[in-house]
Amino acid sequence: MNIDIASHLGAIARVVEDREYQGHPVKVVVASRAYDTSPDDLWNALTDPARLKRWFAPVDGDLKLGGRFQVKGNASGTITACVPQKSFSATWEFGGTVSWINLAIEPTKAGGAHLTLEHLCPTSPHWDQFGPGAVGVGWELGLLGLGMHTRSGAARDQFDEHAWGASDEGKQFVTDTGEGWIAADMAGGESGANATTRGRATIAFYRGEPPPGTQHPGTTDN
């Protein structure tokens, strides 16, 4: 399968910002990019279990407003808002913690579809240690797979993310995306020293080179 890494890296936008959610401060990790497909097709790729398992992971449950879902080997949650063909929100429950995701689709002037993904993370020692790349890198692996899927429709099992991630090409992708999140962290107000230290810790983990004593930083490593 053709893996167009340059296309993804050239299309992705990364933002880190502070926000208040449910009366508490949160850090918001925003990843957005356009896809060369229609908004309806992109919505279907994001919400149809038969397609989700082809580019993301098997997802079981009741995929409608108020329904519970389970991503195989990963997070579970509840769908808290849904505007069909346009947006949905959900809790993201992993490792005993709860965060929140928002996804929104808009048509592009070129006839494609623009996806914005937000992951709202509670401030915590975990965030202090690993920063936005802890979720950002994992999501970008998924967004890369989504681009491959919408472009070709090929089955996910033709692309083994874990095997590819261990390759030189995969490790370079992790490094490039991780460095991108370091830059976004600094643009969001974090000091260069802190952003770099925690960003490099996350890169090392995703490359299979965890620093001594490092815990699992990601919640979207699927």
C-alpha atoms as a PDB file:
ATOM      1  CA  MET A   1       0.000   0.000   0.000  1.00  0.00           C
ATOM      2  CA  ASN A   2       1.220   3.473  -0.880  1.00  0.00           C
ATOM      3  CA  ILE A   3       1.861   5.467   2.303  1.00  0.00           C
ATOM      4  CA  ASP A   4       1.875   9.133   1.375  1.00  0.00           C
ATOM      5  CA  ILE A   5       3.582  10.523   4.457  1.00  0.00           C
ATOM      6  CA  ALA A   6       4.557  13.814   2.829  1.00  0.00           C
ATOM      7  CA  SER A   7       0.940  14.517   1.917  1.00  0.00           C
ATOM      8  CA  HIS A   8      -0.169  14.055   5.525  1.00  0.00           C
ATOM      9  CA  LEU A   9       2.653  16.106   7.006  1.00  0.00           C
ATOM     10  CA  GLY A  10       1.953  18.891   4.542  1.00  0.00           C
ATOM     11  CA  ALA A  11      -1.782  18.892   5.277  1.00  0.00           C
ATOM     12  CA  ILE A  12      -1.913  18.617   9.081  1.00  0.00           C
ATOM     13  CA  ALA A  13      -2.328  21.610  11.380  1.00  0.00           C
ATOM     14  CA  ARG A  14      -1.565  21.288  15.101  1.00  0.00           C
ATOM     15  CA  VAL A  15      -2.768  23.596  17.870  1.00  0.00           C
ATOM     16  CA  VAL A  16      -2.527  23.414  21.671  1.00  0.00           C
ATOM     17  CA  GLU A  17      -4.690  25.701  23.751  1.00  0.00           C
ATOM     18  CA  ASP A  18      -6.108  26.250  27.213  1.00  0.00           C
ATOM     19  CA  ARG A  19      -9.846  26.013  27.747  1.00  0.00           C
ATOM     20  CA  GLU A  20     -12.378  25.531  30.519  1.00  0.00           C
ATOM     21  CA  TYR A  21     -14.632  22.487  30.304  1.00  0.00           C
ATOM     22  CA  GLN A  22     -17.307  21.495  32.828  1.00  0.00           C
ATOM     23  CA  GLY A  23     -15.881  24.082  35.206  1.00  0.00           C
ATOM     24  CA  HIS A  24     -12.315  22.760  35.075  1.00  0.00           C
ATOM     25  CA  PRO A  25      -9.213  23.815  33.138  1.00  0.00           C
ATOM     26  CA  VAL A  26      -8.268  21.505  30.289  1.00  0.00           C
ATOM     27  CA  LYS A  27      -5.547  21.358  27.664  1.00  0.00           C
ATOM     28  CA  VAL A  28      -6.942  21.003  24.159  1.00  0.00           C
ATOM     29  CA  VAL A  29      -4.969  19.163  21.483  1.00  0.00           C
ATOM     30  CA  VAL A  30      -6.302  20.062  18.031  1.00  0.00           C
ATOM     31  CA  ALA A  31      -5.343  18.215  14.847  1.00  0.00           C
ATOM     32  CA  SER A  32      -6.970  19.190  11.572  1.00  0.00           C
ATOM     33  CA  ARG A  33      -6.535  18.478   7.881  1.00  0.00           C
ATOM     34  CA  ALA A  34      -8.437  18.239   4.616  1.00  0.00           C
ATOM     35  CA  TYR A  35      -9.213  14.981   2.811  1.00  0.00           C
ATOM     36  CA  ASP A  36      -9.827  14.452  -0.876  1.00  0.00           C
ATOM     37  CA  THR A  37     -13.278  12.962  -0.377  1.00  0.00           C
ATOM     38  CA  SER A  38     -16.794  14.237   0.213  1.00  0.00           C
ATOM     39  CA  PRO A  39     -18.061  15.254   3.674  1.00  0.00           C
ATOM     40  CA  ASP A  40     -20.636  12.450   3.506  1.00  0.00           C
ATOM     41  CA  ASP A  41     -17.965   9.853   2.737  1.00  0.00           C
ATOM     42  CA  LEU A  42     -15.707  11.148   5.504  1.00  0.00           C
ATOM     43  CA  TRP A  43     -18.590  11.014   7.984  1.00  0.00           C
ATOM     44  CA  ASN A  44     -19.278   7.431   6.946  1.00  0.00           C
ATOM     45  CA  ALA A  45     -15.613   6.491   7.378  1.00  0.00           C
ATOM     46  CA  LEU A  46     -15.669   7.951  10.902  1.00  0.00           C
ATOM     47  CA  THR A  47     -18.929   6.375  12.056  1.00  0.00           C
ATOM     48  CA  ASP A  48     -19.487   3.080  10.204  1.00  0.00           C
ATOM     49  CA  PRO A  49     -18.039   0.181  12.257  1.00  0.00           C
ATOM     50  CA  ALA A  50     -17.348  -1.774   9.062  1.00  0.00           C
ATOM     51  CA  ARG A  51     -15.119   1.051   7.828  1.00  0.00           C
ATOM     52  CA  LEU A  52     -13.617   2.049  11.183  1.00  0.00           C
ATOM     53  CA  LYS A  53     -11.930  -1.329  11.533  1.00  0.00           C
ATOM     54  CA  ARG A  54     -10.347  -0.886   8.115  1.00  0.00           C
ATOM     55  CA  TRP A  55      -8.349   2.208   9.009  1.00  0.00           C
ATOM     56  CA  PHE A  56      -8.579   2.697  12.806  1.00  0.00           C
ATOM     57  CA  ALA A  57      -9.575  -0.286  14.957  1.00  0.00           C
ATOM     58  CA  PRO A  58     -12.617  -2.493  15.593  1.00  0.00           C
ATOM     59  CA  VAL A  59     -15.236  -0.441  17.456  1.00  0.00           C
ATOM     60  CA  ASP A  60     -18.154  -2.156  19.181  1.00  0.00           C
ATOM     61  CA  GLY A  61     -21.224  -0.647  20.794  1.00  0.00           C
ATOM     62  CA  ASP A  62     -24.184   1.570  20.089  1.00  0.00           C
ATOM     63  CA  LEU A  63     -22.841   4.325  17.865  1.00  0.00           C
ATOM     64  CA  LYS A  64     -25.581   6.886  18.400  1.00  0.00           C
ATOM     65  CA  LEU A  65     -26.294   9.732  20.809  1.00  0.00           C
ATOM     66  CA  GLY A  66     -26.080   8.410  24.363  1.00  0.00           C
ATOM     67  CA  GLY A  67     -24.628   5.087  23.241  1.00  0.00           C
ATOM     68  CA  ARG A  68     -21.554   3.404  24.675  1.00  0.00           C
ATOM     69  CA  PHE A  69     -18.635   2.276  22.518  1.00  0.00           C
ATOM     70  CA  GLN A  70     -15.441   0.264  22.978  1.00  0.00           C
ATOM     71  CA  VAL A  71     -12.364   0.581  20.793  1.00  0.00           C
ATOM     72  CA  LYS A  72     -10.679  -2.825  20.777  1.00  0.00           C
ATOM     73  CA  GLY A  73      -7.575  -2.719  22.957  1.00  0.00           C
ATOM     74  CA  ASN A  74      -8.038   0.965  23.643  1.00  0.00           C
ATOM     75  CA  ALA A  75     -10.553   3.452  25.031  1.00  0.00           C
ATOM     76  CA  SER A  76     -14.267   3.244  25.693  1.00  0.00           C
ATOM     77  CA  GLY A  77     -16.757   6.052  26.107  1.00  0.00           C
ATOM     78  CA  THR A  78     -20.187   7.564  25.640  1.00  0.00           C
ATOM     79  CA  ILE A  79     -21.349   9.586  22.647  1.00  0.00           C
ATOM     80  CA  THR A  80     -22.454  12.896  24.179  1.00  0.00           C
ATOM     81  CA  ALA A  81     -23.420  14.925  21.092  1.00  0.00           C
ATOM     82  CA  CYS A  82     -24.112  14.170  17.442  1.00  0.00           C
ATOM     83  CA  VAL A  83     -25.116  16.247  14.430  1.00  0.00           C
ATOM     84  CA  PRO A  84     -25.297  13.682  11.587  1.00  0.00           C
ATOM     85  CA  GLN A  85     -22.933  14.324   8.685  1.00  0.00           C
ATOM     86  CA  LYS A  86     -21.293  17.196  10.595  1.00  0.00           C
ATOM     87  CA  SER A  87     -19.992  16.510  14.104  1.00  0.00           C
ATOM     88  CA  PHE A  88     -19.949  14.314  17.179  1.00  0.00           C
ATOM     89  CA  SER A  89     -18.498  14.393  20.691  1.00  0.00           C
ATOM     90  CA  ALA A  90     -17.708  11.619  23.144  1.00  0.00           C
ATOM     91  CA  THR A  91     -15.982  10.808  26.390  1.00  0.00           C
ATOM     92  CA  TRP A  92     -12.639   9.020  26.007  1.00  0.00           C
ATOM     93  CA  GLU A  93     -12.131   6.678  28.945  1.00  0.00           C
ATOM     94  CA  PHE A  94      -8.749   4.999  29.189  1.00  0.00           C
ATOM     95  CA  GLY A  95      -6.588   3.735  32.031  1.00  0.00           C
ATOM     96  CA  GLY A  96      -8.976   4.956  34.713  1.00  0.00           C
ATOM     97  CA  THR A  97      -9.048   8.522  33.391  1.00  0.00           C
ATOM     98  CA  VAL A  98     -11.655  10.432  31.412  1.00  0.00           C
ATOM     99  CA  SER A  99     -10.969  12.955  28.662  1.00  0.00           C
ATOM    100  CA  TRP A 100     -13.159  14.152  25.800  1.00  0.00           C
ATOM    101  CA  ILE A 101     -13.073  14.226  22.013  1.00  0.00           C
ATOM    102  CA  ASN A 102     -14.849  16.414  19.455  1.00  0.00           C
ATOM    103  CA  LEU A 103     -14.812  15.773  15.705  1.00  0.00           C
ATOM    104  CA  ALA A 104     -16.228  18.179  13.126  1.00  0.00           C
ATOM    105  CA  ILE A 105     -16.431  18.020   9.325  1.00  0.00           C
ATOM    106  CA  GLU A 106     -16.742  20.961   6.956  1.00  0.00           C
ATOM    107  CA  PRO A 107     -16.766  21.028   3.139  1.00  0.00           C
ATOM    108  CA  THR A 108     -13.773  22.615   1.450  1.00  0.00           C
ATOM    109  CA  LYS A 109     -13.922  25.009  -1.493  1.00  0.00           C
ATOM    110  CA  ALA A 110     -12.133  22.394  -3.572  1.00  0.00           C
ATOM    111  CA  GLY A 111     -14.930  19.887  -3.012  1.00  0.00           C
ATOM    112  CA  GLY A 112     -13.213  17.877  -0.304  1.00  0.00           C
ATOM    113  CA  ALA A 113     -13.812  17.583   3.421  1.00  0.00           C
ATOM    114  CA  HIS A 114     -11.958  19.222   6.307  1.00  0.00           C
ATOM    115  CA  LEU A 115     -11.751  17.335   9.603  1.00  0.00           C
ATOM    116  CA  THR A 116     -11.035  18.959  12.960  1.00  0.00           C
ATOM    117  CA  LEU A 117     -10.303  16.652  15.877  1.00  0.00           C
ATOM    118  CA  GLU A 118     -10.067  18.034  19.410  1.00  0.00           C
ATOM    119  CA  HIS A 119      -8.921  16.020  22.413  1.00  0.00           C
ATOM    120  CA  LEU A 120      -9.621  17.766  25.724  1.00  0.00           C
ATOM    121  CA  CYS A 121      -7.224  16.566  28.407  1.00  0.00           C
ATOM    122  CA  PRO A 122      -7.452  17.361  32.127  1.00  0.00           C
ATOM    123  CA  THR A 123      -4.377  19.047  33.546  1.00  0.00           C
ATOM    124  CA  SER A 124      -2.419  16.351  35.379  1.00  0.00           C
ATOM    125  CA  PRO A 125       1.080  15.036  36.121  1.00  0.00           C
ATOM    126  CA  HIS A 126       0.665  12.863  33.005  1.00  0.00           C
ATOM    127  CA  TRP A 127       0.251  15.978  30.863  1.00  0.00           C
ATOM    128  CA  ASP A 128       3.183  17.645  32.603  1.00  0.00           C
ATOM    129  CA  GLN A 129       5.385  14.649  31.819  1.00  0.00           C
ATOM    130  CA  PHE A 130       4.390  13.933  28.218  1.00  0.00           C
ATOM    131  CA  GLY A 131       2.561  16.970  26.840  1.00  0.00           C
ATOM    132  CA  PRO A 132       0.280  17.127  23.788  1.00  0.00           C
ATOM    133  CA  GLY A 133       2.213  14.595  21.744  1.00  0.00           C
ATOM    134  CA  ALA A 134       1.027  11.822  24.052  1.00  0.00           C
ATOM    135  CA  VAL A 135      -2.355  11.911  22.322  1.00  0.00           C
ATOM    136  CA  GLY A 136      -1.339  13.916  19.259  1.00  0.00           C
ATOM    137  CA  VAL A 137       1.105  11.372  17.840  1.00  0.00           C
ATOM    138  CA  GLY A 138      -1.379   8.536  18.280  1.00  0.00           C
ATOM    139  CA  TRP A 139      -4.154  10.468  16.606  1.00  0.00           C
ATOM    140  CA  GLU A 140      -1.904  11.363  13.702  1.00  0.00           C
ATOM    141  CA  LEU A 141      -1.190   7.693  13.074  1.00  0.00           C
ATOM    142  CA  GLY A 142      -4.965   7.286  12.826  1.00  0.00           C
ATOM    143  CA  LEU A 143      -5.391  10.338  10.593  1.00  0.00           C
ATOM    144  CA  LEU A 144      -2.680   8.978   8.304  1.00  0.00           C
ATOM    145  CA  GLY A 145      -4.610   5.702   8.069  1.00  0.00           C
ATOM    146  CA  LEU A 146      -7.828   7.624   7.396  1.00  0.00           C
ATOM    147  CA  GLY A 147      -6.190   9.409   4.484  1.00  0.00           C
ATOM    148  CA  MET A 148      -4.978   6.120   3.041  1.00  0.00           C
ATOM    149  CA  HIS A 149      -8.436   4.594   3.462  1.00  0.00           C
ATOM    150  CA  THR A 150     -10.410   7.432   1.876  1.00  0.00           C
ATOM    151  CA  ARG A 151      -7.956   7.563  -1.010  1.00  0.00           C
ATOM    152  CA  SER A 152      -7.885   3.846  -1.809  1.00  0.00           C
ATOM    153  CA  GLY A 153     -10.562   2.059   0.251  1.00  0.00           C
ATOM    154  CA  ALA A 154      -8.069  -0.729   0.895  1.00  0.00           C
ATOM    155  CA  ALA A 155      -8.510  -2.945   3.947  1.00  0.00           C
ATOM    156  CA  ARG A 156      -6.686  -1.889   7.091  1.00  0.00           C
ATOM    157  CA  ASP A 157      -5.007  -5.288   7.457  1.00  0.00           C
ATOM    158  CA  GLN A 158      -2.828  -4.418   4.454  1.00  0.00           C
ATOM    159  CA  PHE A 159      -1.168  -1.804   6.641  1.00  0.00           C
ATOM    160  CA  ASP A 160       0.201  -3.112   9.933  1.00  0.00           C
ATOM    161  CA  GLU A 161       0.669   0.087  11.930  1.00  0.00           C
ATOM    162  CA  HIS A 162       2.825  -1.560  14.591  1.00  0.00           C
ATOM    163  CA  ALA A 163       5.124  -3.314  12.129  1.00  0.00           C
ATOM    164  CA  TRP A 164       5.353  -0.164  10.033  1.00  0.00           C
ATOM    165  CA  GLY A 165       5.957   1.954  13.118  1.00  0.00           C
ATOM    166  CA  ALA A 166       9.011  -0.174  13.931  1.00  0.00           C
ATOM    167  CA  SER A 167      10.470   0.471  10.484  1.00  0.00           C
ATOM    168  CA  ASP A 168      12.835   3.338   9.762  1.00  0.00           C
ATOM    169  CA  GLU A 169      10.070   5.083   7.823  1.00  0.00           C
ATOM    170  CA  GLY A 170       7.593   4.658  10.660  1.00  0.00           C
ATOM    171  CA  LYS A 171      10.039   5.898  13.277  1.00  0.00           C
ATOM    172  CA  GLN A 172      10.768   8.961  11.181  1.00  0.00           C
ATOM    173  CA  PHE A 173       7.021   9.669  10.938  1.00  0.00           C
ATOM    174  CA  VAL A 174       6.749   9.498  14.729  1.00  0.00           C
ATOM    175  CA  THR A 175       9.715  11.833  15.083  1.00  0.00           C
ATOM    176  CA  ASP A 176       8.323  14.323  12.596  1.00  0.00           C
ATOM    177  CA  THR A 177       4.862  14.376  14.174  1.00  0.00           C
ATOM    178  CA  GLY A 178       6.328  14.501  17.671  1.00  0.00           C
ATOM    179  CA  GLU A 179       8.495  17.478  16.747  1.00  0.00           C
ATOM    180  CA  GLY A 180       5.393  19.105  15.304  1.00  0.00           C
ATOM    181  CA  TRP A 181       3.642  18.750  18.656  1.00  0.00           C
ATOM    182  CA  ILE A 182       6.658  20.190  20.445  1.00  0.00           C
ATOM    183  CA  ALA A 183       6.358  23.286  18.220  1.00  0.00           C
ATOM    184  CA  ALA A 184       2.594  23.467  18.852  1.00  0.00           C
ATOM    185  CA  ASP A 185       3.188  23.146  22.595  1.00  0.00           C
ATOM    186  CA  MET A 186       5.568  26.102  22.521  1.00  0.00           C
ATOM    187  CA  ALA A 187       3.166  28.115  20.352  1.00  0.00           C
ATOM    188  CA  GLY A 188       0.512  27.363  22.977  1.00  0.00           C
ATOM    189  CA  GLY A 189       2.593  29.043  25.677  1.00  0.00           C
ATOM    190  CA  GLU A 190       4.808  26.278  27.084  1.00  0.00           C
ATOM    191  CA  SER A 191       8.495  27.024  27.593  1.00  0.00           C
ATOM    192  CA  GLY A 192      10.851  25.632  24.988  1.00  0.00           C
ATOM    193  CA  ALA A 193      12.714  23.561  27.545  1.00  0.00           C
ATOM    194  CA  ASN A 194       9.611  21.885  28.981  1.00  0.00           C
ATOM    195  CA  ALA A 195       7.977  21.356  25.610  1.00  0.00           C
ATOM    196  CA  THR A 196      11.113  19.740  24.237  1.00  0.00           C
ATOM    197  CA  THR A 197      11.763  17.506  27.244  1.00  0.00           C
ATOM    198  CA  ARG A 198       8.284  16.028  27.379  1.00  0.00           C
ATOM    199  CA  GLY A 199       7.920  15.907  23.615  1.00  0.00           C
ATOM    200  CA  ARG A 200      11.122  13.922  23.247  1.00  0.00           C
ATOM    201  CA  ALA A 201       9.948  11.509  25.969  1.00  0.00           C
ATOM    202  CA  THR A 202       6.795  10.837  23.964  1.00  0.00           C
ATOM    203  CA  ILE A 203       8.736  10.417  20.709  1.00  0.00           C
ATOM    204  CA  ALA A 204      11.011   7.902  22.404  1.00  0.00           C
ATOM    205  CA  PHE A 205       8.058   5.876  23.606  1.00  0.00           C
ATOM    206  CA  TYR A 206       6.326   5.717  20.239  1.00  0.00           C
ATOM    207  CA  ARG A 207       9.636   4.767  18.607  1.00  0.00           C
ATOM    208  CA  GLY A 208       9.979   1.890  21.063  1.00  0.00           C
ATOM    209  CA  GLU A 209      12.801   3.598  22.917  1.00  0.00           C
ATOM    210  CA  PRO A 210      11.253   4.611  26.259  1.00  0.00           C
ATOM    211  CA  PRO A 211      13.453   6.510  28.701  1.00  0.00           C
ATOM    212  CA  PRO A 212      14.069   4.643  31.966  1.00  0.00           C
ATOM    213  CA  GLY A 213      11.013   4.737  34.209  1.00  0.00           C
ATOM    214  CA  THR A 214       8.661   6.070  31.521  1.00  0.00           C
ATOM    215  CA  GLN A 215       5.026   5.021  31.712  1.00  0.00           C
ATOM    216  CA  HIS A 216       2.775   4.559  28.654  1.00  0.00           C
ATOM    217  CA  PRO A 217       2.078   8.100  27.387  1.00  0.00           C
ATOM    218  CA  GLY A 218      -0.538   7.427  24.726  1.00  0.00           C
ATOM    219  CA  THR A 219      -4.259   6.822  24.755  1.00  0.00           C
ATOM    220  CA  THR A 220      -4.646   6.412  21.016  1.00  0.00           C
ATOM    221  CA  ASP A 221      -1.898   3.963  20.180  1.00  0.00           C
ATOM    222  CA  ASN A 222      -4.079   1.540  18.271  1.00  0.00           C
END
